[in-house]
Amino acid sequence: MAYAGKCHGIRTVGIIRGEELNEDSNSILRYASECGMELVFVSRVEYKRRNDESFAKELIQRFGNAYILPEGGSNGFAVKGCKEILTVETEAFDDIVCPVGTGATIAGIISSAKFHQCVTGIAVLDGDEYLRGLIESHLSSEDRVASWQLDSRFTLGGYAHSSKELERFIGVMSSEADLPLDQVYSGKVLLAIHQMAKMGELIGRKVLFIHTGGYAFLSTVYCG
């Protein structure tokens, strides 16, 4: 969003959870700041109000007549945009696997997948019922024919939590396959696919891995 604002001359403001952070706390915040985004750091307690109507009104009073994007950019427009991820070329796959954080991406994929395909969302944070509720909410106004499921076995204890196994896996993928992965989304999902394949859950299935975090591309894995 920061880059889009820079390109089109649109003022952007980022509400960042963690009042102890600053624009140099990580490379993403630094990049957003360099693109001209105004970063506003709020406490974790205040951030919990992000879905409250009163919080939205306070933001508009502070910053003017703004268009407020929800956490993860997960609104109806996002779902419609994510419906464009799948194409004619992806119809050959049996399974489509992607990470689930706020639910909009998988909702768009479910809405555009074909009837013979199964969409699996790998939860990257704990809270199975919460995530299912988010997905169902996004799907409420969409037609769908594909089956879908949420797999919560690979959260590693919560959002952005990691493990030595995940770190090793990301290192191997980087050095041997020149495939960059992050520990929050893409790394967890590809490790999950790897473990599912080892457990025999994907035998004979042609699997499409949707890479959504950090680096944008599609990668395919065939489990023979």
Protein backbone atom coordinates (compact mmCIF):
# COMPACT_ATOMS: atom_id res chain seq x y z
CA MET A 1 0.00 0.00 0.00
CA ALA A 2 2.87 2.35 0.77
CA TYR A 3 4.38 1.75 -2.65
CA ALA A 4 1.02 2.25 -4.39
CA GLY A 5 0.60 5.53 -2.55
CA LYS A 6 4.04 6.64 -3.67
CA CYS A 7 3.31 5.74 -7.30
CA HIS A 8 -0.08 7.45 -7.44
CA GLY A 9 0.50 10.39 -5.14
CA ILE A 10 -1.90 9.16 -2.47
CA ARG A 11 -1.24 9.90 1.18
CA THR A 12 -0.97 6.68 3.21
CA VAL A 13 -0.95 6.12 6.95
CA GLY A 14 -0.05 2.83 8.62
CA ILE A 15 -1.44 1.98 12.07
CA ILE A 16 1.22 -0.28 13.58
CA ARG A 17 0.70 -2.54 16.60
CA GLY A 18 3.48 -2.02 19.13
CA GLU A 19 4.17 1.40 20.55
CA GLU A 20 7.74 0.34 21.32
CA LEU A 21 8.48 -0.02 17.59
CA ASN A 22 9.79 2.62 15.19
CA GLU A 23 10.36 2.94 11.46
CA ASP A 24 13.74 1.23 11.77
CA SER A 25 12.50 -1.79 13.72
CA ASN A 26 12.44 -3.98 10.62
CA SER A 27 13.00 -3.75 6.87
CA ILE A 28 9.28 -3.65 6.01
CA LEU A 29 8.57 -0.66 8.25
CA ARG A 30 11.66 1.08 6.95
CA TYR A 31 10.61 0.48 3.35
CA ALA A 32 7.07 1.73 4.02
CA SER A 33 8.50 4.88 5.59
CA GLU A 34 10.85 5.42 2.65
CA CYS A 35 7.83 5.22 0.34
CA GLY A 36 6.29 8.11 2.24
CA MET A 37 3.85 6.26 4.48
CA GLU A 38 3.20 7.95 7.81
CA LEU A 39 3.63 5.33 10.52
CA VAL A 40 1.56 5.60 13.69
CA PHE A 41 2.51 3.21 16.48
CA VAL A 42 -0.19 2.23 18.96
CA SER A 43 -0.26 -0.02 22.01
CA ARG A 44 -1.41 -3.61 21.70
CA VAL A 45 -4.38 -2.77 23.90
CA GLU A 46 -5.44 0.04 21.58
CA TYR A 47 -4.88 -2.15 18.52
CA LYS A 48 -7.44 -4.65 19.82
CA ARG A 49 -10.05 -2.00 19.07
CA ARG A 50 -9.18 -2.11 15.35
CA ASN A 51 -12.56 -3.58 14.38
CA ASP A 52 -14.63 -1.24 16.55
CA GLU A 53 -16.67 1.41 14.76
CA SER A 54 -15.61 3.97 17.37
CA PHE A 55 -11.94 3.35 16.55
CA ALA A 56 -12.61 3.92 12.83
CA LYS A 57 -14.36 7.19 13.64
CA GLU A 58 -11.40 8.32 15.72
CA LEU A 59 -9.05 7.60 12.82
CA ILE A 60 -11.18 9.61 10.41
CA GLN A 61 -11.34 12.50 12.88
CA ARG A 62 -7.56 12.41 13.19
CA PHE A 63 -6.56 11.90 9.57
CA GLY A 64 -9.51 13.25 7.61
CA ASN A 65 -11.85 11.55 5.18
CA ALA A 66 -9.78 8.39 4.83
CA TYR A 67 -10.54 5.03 3.29
CA ILE A 68 -9.71 2.54 6.03
CA LEU A 69 -8.25 -0.79 5.03
CA PRO A 70 -8.77 -3.50 7.67
CA GLU A 71 -5.99 -5.67 9.03
CA GLY A 72 -4.53 -7.75 6.24
CA GLY A 73 -6.47 -5.70 3.69
CA SER A 74 -9.22 -8.26 4.19
CA ASN A 75 -12.46 -6.78 2.90
CA GLY A 76 -14.91 -7.52 0.10
CA PHE A 77 -12.69 -5.91 -2.52
CA ALA A 78 -9.78 -8.09 -1.39
CA VAL A 79 -11.85 -11.25 -1.80
CA LYS A 80 -12.84 -10.24 -5.32
CA GLY A 81 -9.23 -9.44 -6.14
CA CYS A 82 -8.05 -12.80 -4.83
CA LYS A 83 -10.55 -14.55 -7.09
CA GLU A 84 -8.20 -13.58 -9.92
CA ILE A 85 -5.31 -15.63 -8.48
CA LEU A 86 -6.57 -18.81 -10.12
CA THR A 87 -6.52 -19.06 -13.92
CA VAL A 88 -7.23 -21.57 -16.65
CA GLU A 89 -3.74 -22.97 -16.08
CA THR A 90 -4.51 -23.80 -12.42
CA GLU A 91 -7.52 -25.97 -13.28
CA ALA A 92 -5.21 -28.99 -13.67
CA PHE A 93 -4.47 -29.12 -9.93
CA ASP A 94 -6.31 -31.30 -7.44
CA ASP A 95 -5.40 -29.39 -4.30
CA ILE A 96 -4.75 -25.71 -3.70
CA VAL A 97 -2.91 -24.80 -0.50
CA CYS A 98 -2.39 -21.32 0.94
CA PRO A 99 -1.79 -19.64 4.32
CA VAL A 100 -4.67 -18.26 6.38
CA GLY A 101 -4.28 -15.13 8.50
CA THR A 102 -7.34 -12.94 8.04
CA GLY A 103 -9.19 -15.21 5.62
CA ALA A 104 -9.69 -12.99 2.55
CA THR A 105 -7.16 -14.70 0.30
CA ILE A 106 -8.51 -18.19 0.82
CA ALA A 107 -12.09 -16.93 0.48
CA GLY A 108 -11.29 -15.54 -2.95
CA ILE A 109 -9.57 -18.77 -3.96
CA ILE A 110 -12.48 -20.91 -2.71
CA SER A 111 -14.88 -18.72 -4.68
CA SER A 112 -12.98 -19.19 -7.93
CA ALA A 113 -11.78 -22.81 -7.58
CA LYS A 114 -13.41 -25.51 -9.67
CA PHE A 115 -15.75 -28.18 -8.32
CA HIS A 116 -13.11 -30.94 -8.57
CA GLN A 117 -10.58 -28.99 -6.50
CA CYS A 118 -10.08 -28.93 -2.74
CA VAL A 119 -8.76 -25.75 -1.15
CA THR A 120 -6.75 -26.19 2.04
CA GLY A 121 -5.89 -23.26 4.25
CA ILE A 122 -2.90 -23.67 6.55
CA ALA A 123 -3.57 -21.65 9.69
CA VAL A 124 -0.57 -19.52 10.63
CA LEU A 125 -2.02 -18.59 14.02
CA ASP A 126 -3.96 -20.38 16.74
CA GLY A 127 -7.73 -20.07 16.93
CA ASP A 128 -9.45 -22.60 14.66
CA GLU A 129 -13.03 -21.42 15.27
CA TYR A 130 -12.00 -17.76 14.96
CA LEU A 131 -10.35 -18.34 11.57
CA ARG A 132 -13.27 -20.41 10.28
CA GLY A 133 -15.58 -17.59 11.26
CA LEU A 134 -13.48 -15.08 9.32
CA ILE A 135 -13.47 -17.26 6.22
CA GLU A 136 -17.20 -17.93 6.37
CA SER A 137 -17.85 -14.23 6.82
CA HIS A 138 -15.87 -13.43 3.66
CA LEU A 139 -17.68 -16.20 1.78
CA SER A 140 -21.16 -15.08 2.82
CA SER A 141 -21.71 -13.04 -0.32
CA GLU A 142 -19.80 -15.29 -2.72
CA ASP A 143 -20.86 -18.28 -4.80
CA ARG A 144 -18.70 -21.35 -4.39
CA VAL A 145 -18.51 -24.87 -5.71
CA ALA A 146 -15.13 -26.10 -4.46
CA SER A 147 -14.70 -27.89 -1.14
CA TRP A 148 -12.37 -26.40 1.43
CA GLN A 149 -10.79 -27.17 4.77
CA LEU A 150 -8.73 -25.40 7.42
CA ASP A 151 -5.68 -27.23 8.77
CA SER A 152 -4.52 -25.97 12.16
CA ARG A 153 -1.78 -28.53 12.80
CA PHE A 154 1.11 -26.35 11.72
CA THR A 155 0.77 -23.06 13.64
CA LEU A 156 3.90 -23.82 15.70
CA GLY A 157 2.24 -22.18 18.67
CA GLY A 158 0.96 -18.94 17.18
CA TYR A 159 1.40 -16.09 14.75
CA ALA A 160 5.04 -15.51 13.76
CA HIS A 161 6.14 -18.36 16.03
CA SER A 162 8.86 -20.52 14.59
CA SER A 163 10.84 -23.64 15.36
CA LYS A 164 14.29 -25.02 14.63
CA GLU A 165 12.71 -27.39 12.11
CA LEU A 166 11.09 -24.50 10.24
CA GLU A 167 14.32 -22.49 10.29
CA ARG A 168 16.25 -25.47 8.91
CA PHE A 169 13.61 -26.06 6.24
CA ILE A 170 13.71 -22.41 5.13
CA GLY A 171 17.51 -22.60 4.99
CA VAL A 172 17.43 -25.74 2.85
CA MET A 173 14.86 -24.26 0.46
CA SER A 174 16.99 -21.14 0.10
CA SER A 175 20.33 -22.90 -0.46
CA GLU A 176 19.21 -25.92 -2.50
CA ALA A 177 16.20 -24.59 -4.39
CA ASP A 178 16.91 -20.85 -4.40
CA LEU A 179 13.40 -20.44 -2.97
CA PRO A 180 13.00 -17.57 -0.48
CA LEU A 181 10.48 -18.24 2.29
CA ASP A 182 9.42 -16.35 5.41
CA GLN A 183 8.69 -17.78 8.85
CA VAL A 184 5.22 -16.22 9.18
CA TYR A 185 3.39 -17.44 6.08
CA SER A 186 5.12 -19.14 3.16
CA GLY A 187 7.63 -21.13 5.18
CA LYS A 188 4.95 -22.64 7.42
CA VAL A 189 2.76 -23.55 4.46
CA LEU A 190 5.46 -25.25 2.39
CA LEU A 191 6.72 -27.10 5.47
CA ALA A 192 3.13 -28.22 6.09
CA ILE A 193 2.86 -29.52 2.51
CA HIS A 194 6.20 -31.29 2.94
CA GLN A 195 5.04 -32.98 6.15
CA MET A 196 1.63 -33.87 4.68
CA ALA A 197 3.39 -35.52 1.76
CA LYS A 198 5.65 -37.49 4.12
CA MET A 199 2.54 -38.71 5.98
CA GLY A 200 1.05 -39.96 2.71
CA GLU A 201 -1.81 -37.46 2.69
CA LEU A 202 -1.10 -36.19 -0.82
CA ILE A 203 -0.27 -39.36 -2.73
CA GLY A 204 -1.21 -39.02 -6.37
CA ARG A 205 -2.46 -35.48 -5.87
CA LYS A 206 -1.24 -32.52 -7.90
CA VAL A 207 -0.79 -29.70 -5.42
CA LEU A 208 -0.66 -25.98 -6.09
CA PHE A 209 1.10 -23.92 -3.41
CA ILE A 210 -0.01 -20.29 -3.35
CA HIS A 211 2.89 -18.16 -2.12
CA THR A 212 1.39 -15.00 -0.59
CA GLY A 213 3.94 -13.71 1.89
CA GLY A 214 7.02 -11.65 1.17
CA TYR A 215 7.59 -12.78 -2.39
CA ALA A 216 4.89 -13.04 -5.07
CA PHE A 217 4.85 -16.07 -7.29
CA LEU A 218 3.18 -19.45 -7.69
CA SER A 219 5.04 -22.67 -7.05
CA THR A 220 3.84 -26.20 -7.77
CA VAL A 221 4.55 -29.42 -5.95
CA TYR A 222 3.63 -32.83 -7.34
CA CYS A 223 3.38 -35.70 -4.88
CA GLY A 224 3.58 -38.91 -6.88
